[in-house]
Amino acid sequence: LKVRGKFGLAIVAGNALQQFLTNEDRAAVLKAIYRQLAPGATFAFSVRFPHASELARRVETAEIWHSYTDVTGSQVIVSGTQRYDASTQVMTHETYRQFAVDGTPAAAPTVTSVRYSFPLELEAALAAARFEIEATYVDFAGPPLTAASAATASALVYVCRKPETTKR
């Protein structure tokens, strides 16, 4: 993607960085973001926290996750399965949406894969892309990342900066 101009802020929201499933893809995205930022600019993003208990939890038979009311007023039940591949750090979810009244599908099933990364791994990837980490938080309103705060974290939130001058 070619974008003209340099920017003072880049935000990657909604755990979108987890959609890049390989080290090479993530490195390419970080490099592209770095290239589009002005010197001294801020880059912020969030990813899901990789709790071992969540990653180890394999769900082969669809379980109910939540429900919602659609635009027609119908109740829709959302269920799904999940599998984690520790060799690639990729979690795959199969999601099903069914009308509560009769169990018929409300939408086609979807399959989504996301990559989980651990804090030290993300720090190395950011350093390789030449970003300086200014702060790491657990959750958006949470405290800085520590061993204690990581125990209950649902997300890792990074605030980084592109240096004012680049080293060659």
N, C-alpha and C. Protein backbone atom coordinates (compact mmCIF):
# COMPACT_ATOMS: atom_id res chain seq x y z
N LEU A 1 0.84 -1.18 0.00
CA LEU A 1 0.00 0.00 0.00
C LEU A 1 0.89 1.24 0.00
N LYS A 2 0.68 2.10 -0.95
CA LYS A 2 1.44 3.35 -1.03
C LYS A 2 0.54 4.48 -0.55
N VAL A 3 1.02 5.20 0.43
CA VAL A 3 0.29 6.34 0.98
C VAL A 3 1.21 7.55 0.89
N ARG A 4 0.66 8.66 0.45
CA ARG A 4 1.47 9.87 0.33
C ARG A 4 1.43 10.65 1.63
N GLY A 5 2.58 11.21 2.00
CA GLY A 5 2.67 12.03 3.19
C GLY A 5 3.23 11.28 4.38
N LYS A 6 3.57 12.05 5.39
CA LYS A 6 4.06 11.50 6.65
C LYS A 6 3.07 11.90 7.73
N PHE A 7 2.89 11.04 8.70
CA PHE A 7 1.87 11.24 9.71
C PHE A 7 2.47 11.30 11.10
N GLY A 8 1.79 12.01 11.99
CA GLY A 8 2.25 12.16 13.36
C GLY A 8 1.73 11.09 14.30
N LEU A 9 0.76 10.30 13.82
CA LEU A 9 0.14 9.28 14.67
C LEU A 9 -0.37 8.15 13.79
N ALA A 10 -0.13 6.92 14.22
CA ALA A 10 -0.71 5.74 13.59
C ALA A 10 -1.28 4.86 14.70
N ILE A 11 -2.51 4.43 14.52
CA ILE A 11 -3.16 3.55 15.49
C ILE A 11 -3.64 2.31 14.75
N VAL A 12 -3.28 1.15 15.27
CA VAL A 12 -3.79 -0.11 14.74
C VAL A 12 -4.72 -0.66 15.82
N ALA A 13 -6.01 -0.55 15.57
CA ALA A 13 -7.02 -0.88 16.59
C ALA A 13 -7.62 -2.26 16.37
N GLY A 14 -8.40 -2.68 17.34
CA GLY A 14 -9.16 -3.91 17.21
C GLY A 14 -8.34 -5.17 17.04
N ASN A 15 -7.17 -5.20 17.63
CA ASN A 15 -6.29 -6.37 17.55
C ASN A 15 -5.90 -6.71 16.12
N ALA A 16 -5.97 -5.73 15.23
CA ALA A 16 -5.74 -5.97 13.80
C ALA A 16 -4.34 -6.49 13.51
N LEU A 17 -3.36 -6.14 14.33
CA LEU A 17 -2.00 -6.62 14.09
C LEU A 17 -1.92 -8.15 14.19
N GLN A 18 -2.87 -8.75 14.89
CA GLN A 18 -2.89 -10.20 15.04
C GLN A 18 -3.33 -10.91 13.77
N GLN A 19 -3.83 -10.18 12.79
CA GLN A 19 -4.24 -10.79 11.52
C GLN A 19 -3.04 -11.19 10.66
N PHE A 20 -1.87 -10.67 10.98
CA PHE A 20 -0.65 -11.00 10.24
C PHE A 20 -0.02 -12.20 10.92
N LEU A 21 -0.12 -13.35 10.28
CA LEU A 21 0.13 -14.62 10.94
C LEU A 21 1.57 -15.08 10.96
N THR A 22 2.45 -14.43 10.20
CA THR A 22 3.86 -14.85 10.18
C THR A 22 4.75 -13.70 10.64
N ASN A 23 5.96 -14.05 11.05
CA ASN A 23 6.94 -13.01 11.42
C ASN A 23 7.20 -12.09 10.25
N GLU A 24 7.29 -12.64 9.05
CA GLU A 24 7.58 -11.85 7.86
C GLU A 24 6.46 -10.85 7.56
N ASP A 25 5.22 -11.30 7.67
CA ASP A 25 4.10 -10.39 7.41
C ASP A 25 4.04 -9.28 8.45
N ARG A 26 4.22 -9.65 9.72
CA ARG A 26 4.19 -8.63 10.77
C ARG A 26 5.34 -7.64 10.59
N ALA A 27 6.52 -8.13 10.26
CA ALA A 27 7.67 -7.24 10.04
C ALA A 27 7.40 -6.29 8.88
N ALA A 28 6.78 -6.78 7.82
CA ALA A 28 6.48 -5.92 6.66
C ALA A 28 5.48 -4.83 7.04
N VAL A 29 4.49 -5.17 7.84
CA VAL A 29 3.50 -4.17 8.28
C VAL A 29 4.16 -3.13 9.17
N LEU A 30 4.97 -3.56 10.12
CA LEU A 30 5.65 -2.61 11.00
C LEU A 30 6.59 -1.70 10.21
N LYS A 31 7.27 -2.25 9.24
CA LYS A 31 8.16 -1.46 8.39
C LYS A 31 7.37 -0.42 7.60
N ALA A 32 6.22 -0.82 7.06
CA ALA A 32 5.38 0.11 6.30
C ALA A 32 4.84 1.23 7.19
N ILE A 33 4.45 0.90 8.40
CA ILE A 33 3.96 1.93 9.33
C ILE A 33 5.10 2.89 9.67
N TYR A 34 6.25 2.34 9.96
CA TYR A 34 7.43 3.16 10.29
C TYR A 34 7.74 4.13 9.15
N ARG A 35 7.68 3.63 7.94
CA ARG A 35 8.00 4.44 6.76
C ARG A 35 7.03 5.62 6.60
N GLN A 36 5.77 5.44 6.98
CA GLN A 36 4.76 6.49 6.80
C GLN A 36 4.72 7.50 7.95
N LEU A 37 5.44 7.23 9.02
CA LEU A 37 5.42 8.15 10.16
C LEU A 37 6.51 9.21 10.03
N ALA A 38 6.18 10.41 10.50
CA ALA A 38 7.16 11.49 10.57
C ALA A 38 8.10 11.21 11.74
N PRO A 39 9.32 11.74 11.70
CA PRO A 39 10.22 11.59 12.85
C PRO A 39 9.54 12.10 14.14
N GLY A 40 9.65 11.34 15.21
CA GLY A 40 9.04 11.71 16.49
C GLY A 40 7.58 11.31 16.61
N ALA A 41 7.00 10.71 15.57
CA ALA A 41 5.58 10.35 15.57
C ALA A 41 5.30 9.17 16.51
N THR A 42 4.05 9.03 16.87
CA THR A 42 3.59 7.99 17.78
C THR A 42 2.88 6.88 17.03
N PHE A 43 3.13 5.65 17.45
CA PHE A 43 2.45 4.47 16.92
C PHE A 43 1.88 3.72 18.11
N ALA A 44 0.58 3.46 18.10
CA ALA A 44 -0.07 2.73 19.19
C ALA A 44 -0.89 1.58 18.64
N PHE A 45 -0.90 0.47 19.36
CA PHE A 45 -1.70 -0.68 18.95
C PHE A 45 -2.01 -1.55 20.15
N SER A 46 -3.00 -2.41 19.95
CA SER A 46 -3.35 -3.38 20.99
C SER A 46 -3.46 -4.76 20.36
N VAL A 47 -3.18 -5.76 21.17
CA VAL A 47 -3.35 -7.17 20.81
C VAL A 47 -3.91 -7.90 22.02
N ARG A 48 -4.53 -9.03 21.78
CA ARG A 48 -5.03 -9.84 22.88
C ARG A 48 -3.86 -10.37 23.70
N PHE A 49 -4.06 -10.47 25.00
CA PHE A 49 -3.01 -11.00 25.86
C PHE A 49 -2.99 -12.52 25.73
N PRO A 50 -1.82 -13.13 25.56
CA PRO A 50 -1.73 -14.58 25.35
C PRO A 50 -1.70 -15.39 26.65
N HIS A 51 -2.83 -15.51 27.31
CA HIS A 51 -2.88 -16.31 28.53
C HIS A 51 -2.78 -17.79 28.19
N ALA A 52 -1.92 -18.49 28.87
CA ALA A 52 -1.71 -19.92 28.61
C ALA A 52 -3.01 -20.71 28.74
N SER A 53 -3.85 -20.36 29.72
CA SER A 53 -5.09 -21.11 29.91
C SER A 53 -6.04 -20.95 28.72
N GLU A 54 -6.08 -19.78 28.12
CA GLU A 54 -6.93 -19.57 26.94
C GLU A 54 -6.37 -20.31 25.73
N LEU A 55 -5.05 -20.24 25.56
CA LEU A 55 -4.43 -20.89 24.41
C LEU A 55 -4.56 -22.41 24.49
N ALA A 56 -4.51 -22.96 25.69
CA ALA A 56 -4.58 -24.40 25.87
C ALA A 56 -6.01 -24.94 25.75
N ARG A 57 -6.98 -24.05 25.82
CA ARG A 57 -8.39 -24.45 25.81
C ARG A 57 -8.83 -24.78 24.38
N ARG A 58 -8.99 -26.03 24.08
CA ARG A 58 -9.42 -26.48 22.75
C ARG A 58 -10.92 -26.76 22.81
N VAL A 59 -11.68 -26.14 21.92
CA VAL A 59 -13.13 -26.31 21.89
C VAL A 59 -13.48 -26.95 20.55
N GLU A 60 -13.79 -28.25 20.57
CA GLU A 60 -14.09 -28.99 19.34
C GLU A 60 -15.56 -28.93 18.96
N THR A 61 -16.43 -28.88 19.96
CA THR A 61 -17.87 -28.80 19.73
C THR A 61 -18.29 -27.37 20.04
N ALA A 62 -19.09 -26.80 19.14
CA ALA A 62 -19.48 -25.39 19.31
C ALA A 62 -20.10 -25.15 20.68
N GLU A 63 -19.61 -24.09 21.33
CA GLU A 63 -20.17 -23.67 22.61
C GLU A 63 -20.74 -22.26 22.42
N ILE A 64 -21.74 -21.92 23.20
CA ILE A 64 -22.37 -20.60 23.08
C ILE A 64 -21.45 -19.55 23.69
N TRP A 65 -21.19 -18.50 22.93
CA TRP A 65 -20.33 -17.41 23.38
C TRP A 65 -21.15 -16.22 23.87
N HIS A 66 -22.14 -15.84 23.11
CA HIS A 66 -23.01 -14.72 23.51
C HIS A 66 -24.19 -14.67 22.56
N SER A 67 -25.09 -13.70 22.76
CA SER A 67 -26.22 -13.50 21.84
C SER A 67 -26.44 -12.01 21.66
N TYR A 68 -27.20 -11.67 20.64
CA TYR A 68 -27.53 -10.27 20.37
C TYR A 68 -28.86 -10.22 19.63
N THR A 69 -29.42 -9.03 19.57
CA THR A 69 -30.64 -8.78 18.82
C THR A 69 -30.27 -8.11 17.51
N ASP A 70 -30.68 -8.70 16.38
CA ASP A 70 -30.31 -8.12 15.09
C ASP A 70 -31.24 -6.97 14.72
N VAL A 71 -31.03 -6.38 13.55
CA VAL A 71 -31.78 -5.19 13.14
C VAL A 71 -33.27 -5.47 12.95
N THR A 72 -33.67 -6.73 12.78
CA THR A 72 -35.09 -7.07 12.62
C THR A 72 -35.75 -7.37 13.96
N GLY A 73 -34.95 -7.35 15.04
CA GLY A 73 -35.49 -7.64 16.36
C GLY A 73 -35.37 -9.11 16.75
N SER A 74 -34.75 -9.91 15.90
CA SER A 74 -34.58 -11.35 16.18
C SER A 74 -33.37 -11.58 17.07
N GLN A 75 -33.52 -12.52 17.98
CA GLN A 75 -32.42 -12.91 18.85
C GLN A 75 -31.50 -13.88 18.10
N VAL A 76 -30.20 -13.58 18.10
CA VAL A 76 -29.22 -14.41 17.40
C VAL A 76 -28.24 -14.95 18.44
N ILE A 77 -28.01 -16.25 18.39
CA ILE A 77 -27.06 -16.91 19.30
C ILE A 77 -25.75 -17.10 18.54
N VAL A 78 -24.65 -16.68 19.17
CA VAL A 78 -23.32 -16.82 18.57
C VAL A 78 -22.58 -17.92 19.32
N SER A 79 -22.10 -18.90 18.57
CA SER A 79 -21.35 -20.00 19.17
C SER A 79 -20.13 -20.28 18.30
N GLY A 80 -19.26 -21.14 18.80
CA GLY A 80 -18.09 -21.44 18.00
C GLY A 80 -17.16 -22.45 18.62
N THR A 81 -16.09 -22.71 17.85
CA THR A 81 -15.03 -23.61 18.28
C THR A 81 -13.71 -22.85 18.22
N GLN A 82 -12.70 -23.39 18.86
CA GLN A 82 -11.37 -22.78 18.76
C GLN A 82 -10.30 -23.84 18.87
N ARG A 83 -9.21 -23.61 18.10
CA ARG A 83 -8.04 -24.50 18.12
C ARG A 83 -6.80 -23.62 18.08
N TYR A 84 -5.84 -23.93 18.91
CA TYR A 84 -4.58 -23.19 18.95
C TYR A 84 -3.46 -24.10 18.48
N ASP A 85 -2.64 -23.60 17.56
CA ASP A 85 -1.47 -24.33 17.07
C ASP A 85 -0.24 -23.68 17.69
N ALA A 86 0.35 -24.32 18.68
CA ALA A 86 1.48 -23.74 19.39
C ALA A 86 2.71 -23.56 18.50
N SER A 87 2.82 -24.35 17.43
CA SER A 87 3.99 -24.22 16.56
C SER A 87 3.96 -22.95 15.72
N THR A 88 2.76 -22.42 15.45
CA THR A 88 2.62 -21.18 14.67
C THR A 88 2.09 -20.03 15.51
N GLN A 89 1.65 -20.34 16.73
CA GLN A 89 1.03 -19.37 17.65
C GLN A 89 -0.28 -18.81 17.08
N VAL A 90 -0.97 -19.61 16.27
CA VAL A 90 -2.20 -19.17 15.63
C VAL A 90 -3.41 -19.87 16.25
N MET A 91 -4.39 -19.05 16.63
CA MET A 91 -5.67 -19.52 17.14
C MET A 91 -6.69 -19.39 16.01
N THR A 92 -7.40 -20.47 15.73
CA THR A 92 -8.43 -20.46 14.69
C THR A 92 -9.79 -20.62 15.37
N HIS A 93 -10.69 -19.69 15.06
CA HIS A 93 -12.06 -19.73 15.57
C HIS A 93 -13.01 -20.00 14.41
N GLU A 94 -13.95 -20.91 14.62
CA GLU A 94 -15.07 -21.09 13.70
C GLU A 94 -16.29 -20.55 14.44
N THR A 95 -16.95 -19.58 13.82
CA THR A 95 -18.06 -18.90 14.47
C THR A 95 -19.37 -19.18 13.74
N TYR A 96 -20.41 -19.47 14.52
CA TYR A 96 -21.74 -19.77 13.99
C TYR A 96 -22.74 -18.79 14.58
N ARG A 97 -23.68 -18.33 13.76
CA ARG A 97 -24.76 -17.45 14.21
C ARG A 97 -26.09 -18.10 13.83
N GLN A 98 -26.93 -18.36 14.85
CA GLN A 98 -28.21 -19.02 14.60
C GLN A 98 -29.32 -18.23 15.26
N PHE A 99 -30.50 -18.22 14.59
CA PHE A 99 -31.66 -17.58 15.20
C PHE A 99 -32.11 -18.41 16.40
N ALA A 100 -32.37 -17.73 17.51
CA ALA A 100 -32.75 -18.42 18.74
C ALA A 100 -34.09 -19.13 18.60
N VAL A 101 -35.01 -18.55 17.82
CA VAL A 101 -36.37 -19.08 17.74
C VAL A 101 -36.43 -20.48 17.12
N ASP A 102 -35.58 -20.74 16.11
CA ASP A 102 -35.69 -22.05 15.45
C ASP A 102 -34.34 -22.71 15.12
N GLY A 103 -33.22 -22.06 15.44
CA GLY A 103 -31.91 -22.65 15.21
C GLY A 103 -31.40 -22.57 13.78
N THR A 104 -32.15 -21.92 12.90
CA THR A 104 -31.66 -21.79 11.53
C THR A 104 -30.50 -20.80 11.47
N PRO A 105 -29.61 -20.99 10.51
CA PRO A 105 -28.45 -20.08 10.41
C PRO A 105 -28.89 -18.64 10.13
N ALA A 106 -28.29 -17.71 10.86
CA ALA A 106 -28.53 -16.28 10.65
C ALA A 106 -27.50 -15.72 9.69
N ALA A 107 -26.40 -16.44 9.52
CA ALA A 107 -25.32 -16.03 8.62
C ALA A 107 -24.47 -17.26 8.33
N ALA A 108 -23.69 -17.18 7.28
CA ALA A 108 -22.78 -18.27 6.97
C ALA A 108 -21.71 -18.37 8.06
N PRO A 109 -21.25 -19.57 8.37
CA PRO A 109 -20.16 -19.70 9.36
C PRO A 109 -18.92 -18.93 8.89
N THR A 110 -18.17 -18.43 9.84
CA THR A 110 -16.92 -17.73 9.51
C THR A 110 -15.75 -18.42 10.21
N VAL A 111 -14.60 -18.36 9.56
CA VAL A 111 -13.37 -18.90 10.13
C VAL A 111 -12.38 -17.74 10.20
N THR A 112 -11.85 -17.51 11.39
CA THR A 112 -10.90 -16.43 11.62
C THR A 112 -9.67 -16.99 12.31
N SER A 113 -8.51 -16.59 11.82
CA SER A 113 -7.26 -17.00 12.47
C SER A 113 -6.53 -15.76 12.95
N VAL A 114 -6.01 -15.82 14.16
CA VAL A 114 -5.24 -14.72 14.73
C VAL A 114 -3.98 -15.28 15.37
N ARG A 115 -2.94 -14.48 15.32
CA ARG A 115 -1.67 -14.91 15.91
C ARG A 115 -1.50 -14.25 17.28
N TYR A 116 -1.16 -15.07 18.25
CA TYR A 116 -0.86 -14.56 19.58
C TYR A 116 0.64 -14.37 19.70
N SER A 117 1.04 -13.25 20.26
CA SER A 117 2.46 -12.96 20.47
C SER A 117 2.67 -12.56 21.92
N PHE A 118 3.79 -12.96 22.45
CA PHE A 118 4.12 -12.67 23.84
C PHE A 118 4.88 -11.35 23.93
N PRO A 119 4.85 -10.69 25.08
CA PRO A 119 5.47 -9.36 25.21
C PRO A 119 6.91 -9.27 24.72
N LEU A 120 7.78 -10.19 25.11
CA LEU A 120 9.18 -10.10 24.68
C LEU A 120 9.32 -10.25 23.17
N GLU A 121 8.47 -11.07 22.59
CA GLU A 121 8.47 -11.25 21.14
C GLU A 121 8.04 -9.96 20.43
N LEU A 122 7.00 -9.30 20.96
CA LEU A 122 6.55 -8.03 20.37
C LEU A 122 7.62 -6.95 20.53
N GLU A 123 8.28 -6.94 21.68
CA GLU A 123 9.35 -5.96 21.89
C GLU A 123 10.47 -6.15 20.87
N ALA A 124 10.84 -7.39 20.59
CA ALA A 124 11.88 -7.67 19.60
C ALA A 124 11.44 -7.25 18.20
N ALA A 125 10.19 -7.51 17.86
CA ALA A 125 9.68 -7.12 16.53
C ALA A 125 9.65 -5.60 16.38
N LEU A 126 9.27 -4.90 17.43
CA LEU A 126 9.25 -3.43 17.38
C LEU A 126 10.66 -2.87 17.29
N ALA A 127 11.59 -3.45 18.02
CA ALA A 127 12.99 -3.00 17.95
C ALA A 127 13.57 -3.25 16.56
N ALA A 128 13.24 -4.39 15.97
CA ALA A 128 13.73 -4.70 14.62
C ALA A 128 13.18 -3.70 13.60
N ALA A 129 11.99 -3.19 13.85
CA ALA A 129 11.38 -2.19 12.97
C ALA A 129 11.84 -0.77 13.34
N ARG A 130 12.71 -0.65 14.34
CA ARG A 130 13.31 0.60 14.80
C ARG A 130 12.38 1.49 15.62
N PHE A 131 11.31 0.93 16.16
CA PHE A 131 10.44 1.70 17.05
C PHE A 131 11.01 1.70 18.46
N GLU A 132 10.80 2.78 19.17
CA GLU A 132 11.13 2.87 20.60
C GLU A 132 9.84 2.73 21.38
N ILE A 133 9.80 1.80 22.33
CA ILE A 133 8.61 1.59 23.14
C ILE A 133 8.60 2.62 24.26
N GLU A 134 7.53 3.40 24.31
CA GLU A 134 7.39 4.39 25.38
C GLU A 134 6.65 3.83 26.57
N ALA A 135 5.65 2.98 26.31
CA ALA A 135 4.88 2.40 27.41
C ALA A 135 4.17 1.14 26.92
N THR A 136 3.96 0.22 27.86
CA THR A 136 3.17 -0.98 27.59
C THR A 136 2.17 -1.12 28.73
N TYR A 137 0.90 -1.22 28.35
CA TYR A 137 -0.18 -1.32 29.34
C TYR A 137 -0.92 -2.63 29.18
N VAL A 138 -1.62 -3.01 30.23
CA VAL A 138 -2.55 -4.13 30.14
C VAL A 138 -3.94 -3.51 30.08
N ASP A 139 -4.60 -3.69 28.99
CA ASP A 139 -5.92 -3.13 28.75
C ASP A 139 -5.83 -1.62 28.52
N PHE A 140 -6.90 -1.04 28.03
CA PHE A 140 -6.88 0.37 27.66
C PHE A 140 -6.92 1.30 28.88
N ALA A 141 -7.58 0.88 29.93
CA ALA A 141 -7.63 1.70 31.13
C ALA A 141 -6.76 1.09 32.23
N GLY A 142 -5.94 0.14 31.83
CA GLY A 142 -5.19 -0.62 32.81
C GLY A 142 -3.86 -0.01 33.16
N PRO A 143 -3.20 -0.64 34.11
CA PRO A 143 -1.88 -0.20 34.56
C PRO A 143 -0.79 -0.63 33.58
N PRO A 144 0.43 -0.18 33.80
CA PRO A 144 1.56 -0.67 32.99
C PRO A 144 1.71 -2.19 33.14
N LEU A 145 2.32 -2.80 32.14
CA LEU A 145 2.55 -4.24 32.16
C LEU A 145 3.58 -4.60 33.22
N THR A 146 3.20 -5.46 34.15
CA THR A 146 4.09 -6.04 35.15
C THR A 146 3.69 -7.51 35.30
N ALA A 147 4.46 -8.26 36.02
CA ALA A 147 4.10 -9.66 36.26
C ALA A 147 2.75 -9.75 36.95
N ALA A 148 2.48 -8.85 37.88
CA ALA A 148 1.21 -8.88 38.61
C ALA A 148 0.05 -8.47 37.72
N SER A 149 0.22 -7.39 36.93
CA SER A 149 -0.90 -6.92 36.11
C SER A 149 -1.17 -7.87 34.94
N ALA A 150 -0.17 -8.60 34.49
CA ALA A 150 -0.36 -9.53 33.37
C ALA A 150 -1.31 -10.67 33.74
N ALA A 151 -1.41 -11.00 35.01
CA ALA A 151 -2.24 -12.12 35.44
C ALA A 151 -3.71 -11.94 35.07
N THR A 152 -4.19 -10.70 35.01
CA THR A 152 -5.60 -10.46 34.72
C THR A 152 -5.81 -9.66 33.43
N ALA A 153 -4.77 -9.46 32.66
CA ALA A 153 -4.86 -8.65 31.45
C ALA A 153 -5.69 -9.32 30.38
N SER A 154 -6.43 -8.52 29.62
CA SER A 154 -7.11 -9.07 28.44
C SER A 154 -6.43 -8.57 27.17
N ALA A 155 -5.61 -7.53 27.29
CA ALA A 155 -4.94 -6.97 26.11
C ALA A 155 -3.58 -6.42 26.49
N LEU A 156 -2.73 -6.32 25.48
CA LEU A 156 -1.46 -5.59 25.59
C LEU A 156 -1.62 -4.35 24.74
N VAL A 157 -1.35 -3.19 25.31
CA VAL A 157 -1.44 -1.93 24.59
C VAL A 157 -0.06 -1.31 24.56
N TYR A 158 0.47 -1.11 23.36
CA TYR A 158 1.81 -0.55 23.19
C TYR A 158 1.71 0.88 22.66
N VAL A 159 2.51 1.76 23.23
CA VAL A 159 2.67 3.12 22.72
C VAL A 159 4.15 3.25 22.36
N CYS A 160 4.40 3.49 21.08
CA CYS A 160 5.77 3.52 20.56
C CYS A 160 6.03 4.85 19.87
N ARG A 161 7.29 5.10 19.59
CA ARG A 161 7.67 6.33 18.91
C ARG A 161 8.71 6.02 17.85
N LYS A 162 8.58 6.73 16.73
CA LYS A 162 9.63 6.71 15.72
C LYS A 162 10.66 7.73 16.16
N PRO A 163 11.92 7.35 16.26
CA PRO A 163 12.94 8.31 16.74
C PRO A 163 12.95 9.58 15.89
N GLU A 164 13.37 10.68 16.53
CA GLU A 164 13.50 11.96 15.82
C GLU A 164 14.50 11.86 14.70
N THR A 165 15.59 11.13 14.92
CA THR A 165 16.59 10.92 13.88
C THR A 165 16.77 9.43 13.69
N THR A 166 17.01 9.04 12.46
CA THR A 166 17.20 7.63 12.19
C THR A 166 18.67 7.30 12.15
N LYS A 167 19.01 6.15 12.70
CA LYS A 167 20.41 5.68 12.71
C LYS A 167 20.65 4.86 11.46
N ARG A 168 21.74 5.04 10.85
CA ARG A 168 22.06 4.29 9.62
C ARG A 168 23.01 3.17 9.92
